[in-house]
Structures are given as C-alpha cells and as structure tokens.
Amino acid sequence: MKLFKELRESTKGKLVHDKKYGKYKAQIYQDGAKFHAYLDGDRLDTLRNLEDAQKSIETMVKAL
C-alpha cells in the first residue's frame, strides 16, 4: 500500500528545474503543457512556460 506522501509526489509531474535561491529551494515540474512552480515545497503557481515559472520564483524570493 502506498503512503500519502508517495501519492502526493507522484502527481507533481516531471522535474525540469531544481535550484537554490539563497536559503530557499525552488523546483519546477512539467505536467503536460503546464509548469508548476514550488518554493520550499509549497506550490506557488501554474504557468504556461518555463521562463515565466522561473521569473515568478525569482520575484517571490526577492519579496521574501
């Protein structure tokens, strides 16, 4: 039987970007034609392309 954590991680999609911005860990997953941006494990937004996802993460890090 799968654990809840395993089920949750299996729905994220394919990891396409993984980087640390200062003390924050940022990840971007691709699910079909959409890109999901995560910062410290929290989902920020769903965007249309990788560049927009990277810009939104950088903007959020600057705000923090």
C-alpha atoms as a PDB file:
ATOM      1  CA  MET A   1       0.000   0.000   0.000  1.00  0.00           C
ATOM      2  CA  LYS A   2       1.325   3.445  -0.936  1.00  0.00           C
ATOM      3  CA  LEU A   3       1.837   6.156   1.626  1.00  0.00           C
ATOM      4  CA  PHE A   4       0.095   9.505   1.286  1.00  0.00           C
ATOM      5  CA  LYS A   5       3.442  11.229   0.657  1.00  0.00           C
ATOM      6  CA  GLU A   6       4.186   8.873  -2.263  1.00  0.00           C
ATOM      7  CA  LEU A   7       0.778   9.542  -3.822  1.00  0.00           C
ATOM      8  CA  ARG A   8       1.214  13.290  -3.469  1.00  0.00           C
ATOM      9  CA  GLU A   9       4.666  13.289  -5.071  1.00  0.00           C
ATOM     10  CA  SER A  10       3.564  11.075  -7.959  1.00  0.00           C
ATOM     11  CA  THR A  11       1.095  13.727  -9.166  1.00  0.00           C
ATOM     12  CA  LYS A  12       3.690  16.504  -9.489  1.00  0.00           C
ATOM     13  CA  GLY A  13       4.929  15.531 -12.954  1.00  0.00           C
ATOM     14  CA  LYS A  14       8.453  15.607 -14.352  1.00  0.00           C
ATOM     15  CA  LEU A  15      11.109  17.701 -12.570  1.00  0.00           C
ATOM     16  CA  VAL A  16      12.617  20.156 -15.085  1.00  0.00           C
ATOM     17  CA  HIS A  17      14.302  22.750 -12.827  1.00  0.00           C
ATOM     18  CA  ASP A  18      15.823  22.425  -9.351  1.00  0.00           C
ATOM     19  CA  LYS A  19      17.822  25.282  -7.843  1.00  0.00           C
ATOM     20  CA  LYS A  20      18.519  27.026  -4.540  1.00  0.00           C
ATOM     21  CA  TYR A  21      17.886  30.755  -4.268  1.00  0.00           C
ATOM     22  CA  GLY A  22      19.668  31.803  -1.095  1.00  0.00           C
ATOM     23  CA  LYS A  23      18.102  29.706   1.640  1.00  0.00           C
ATOM     24  CA  TYR A  24      15.038  28.729  -0.434  1.00  0.00           C
ATOM     25  CA  LYS A  25      14.777  25.582  -2.561  1.00  0.00           C
ATOM     26  CA  ALA A  26      12.905  26.093  -5.828  1.00  0.00           C
ATOM     27  CA  GLN A  27      11.570  23.388  -8.119  1.00  0.00           C
ATOM     28  CA  ILE A  28       9.608  23.468 -11.358  1.00  0.00           C
ATOM     29  CA  TYR A  29       7.651  20.438 -12.545  1.00  0.00           C
ATOM     30  CA  GLN A  30       6.178  19.919 -16.010  1.00  0.00           C
ATOM     31  CA  ASP A  31       2.773  18.286 -16.244  1.00  0.00           C
ATOM     32  CA  GLY A  32       1.729  18.123 -19.876  1.00  0.00           C
ATOM     33  CA  ALA A  33       1.918  21.660 -21.253  1.00  0.00           C
ATOM     34  CA  LYS A  34       1.809  23.313 -17.809  1.00  0.00           C
ATOM     35  CA  PHE A  35       4.625  24.177 -15.429  1.00  0.00           C
ATOM     36  CA  HIS A  36       4.107  24.107 -11.654  1.00  0.00           C
ATOM     37  CA  ALA A  37       6.421  26.292  -9.565  1.00  0.00           C
ATOM     38  CA  TYR A  38       7.269  25.226  -5.994  1.00  0.00           C
ATOM     39  CA  LEU A  39       9.212  27.163  -3.365  1.00  0.00           C
ATOM     40  CA  ASP A  40      10.268  25.202  -0.254  1.00  0.00           C
ATOM     41  CA  GLY A  41       7.705  22.523  -1.108  1.00  0.00           C
ATOM     42  CA  ASP A  42       4.794  24.964  -1.366  1.00  0.00           C
ATOM     43  CA  ARG A  43       3.102  25.370  -4.729  1.00  0.00           C
ATOM     44  CA  LEU A  44       3.308  28.951  -5.987  1.00  0.00           C
ATOM     45  CA  ASP A  45       1.566  28.929  -9.331  1.00  0.00           C
ATOM     46  CA  THR A  46       0.842  27.077 -12.557  1.00  0.00           C
ATOM     47  CA  LEU A  47       2.275  28.766 -15.637  1.00  0.00           C
ATOM     48  CA  ARG A  48       2.447  28.211 -19.395  1.00  0.00           C
ATOM     49  CA  ASN A  49       6.216  28.131 -19.900  1.00  0.00           C
ATOM     50  CA  LEU A  50       9.445  27.523 -18.011  1.00  0.00           C
ATOM     51  CA  GLU A  51      10.729  31.101 -18.263  1.00  0.00           C
ATOM     52  CA  ASP A  52       7.595  32.536 -16.626  1.00  0.00           C
ATOM     53  CA  ALA A  53       7.855  29.977 -13.839  1.00  0.00           C
ATOM     54  CA  GLN A  54      11.487  30.928 -13.186  1.00  0.00           C
ATOM     55  CA  LYS A  55      10.606  34.635 -13.141  1.00  0.00           C
ATOM     56  CA  SER A  56       7.765  34.091 -10.676  1.00  0.00           C
ATOM     57  CA  ILE A  57      10.064  32.185  -8.316  1.00  0.00           C
ATOM     58  CA  GLU A  58      12.729  34.912  -8.515  1.00  0.00           C
ATOM     59  CA  THR A  59      10.100  37.594  -7.825  1.00  0.00           C
ATOM     60  CA  MET A  60       8.801  35.703  -4.796  1.00  0.00           C
ATOM     61  CA  VAL A  61      12.320  35.195  -3.404  1.00  0.00           C
ATOM     62  CA  LYS A  62      13.031  38.928  -3.747  1.00  0.00           C
ATOM     63  CA  ALA A  63       9.789  39.690  -1.893  1.00  0.00           C
ATOM     64  CA  LEU A  64      10.775  37.413   0.969  1.00  0.00           C
END
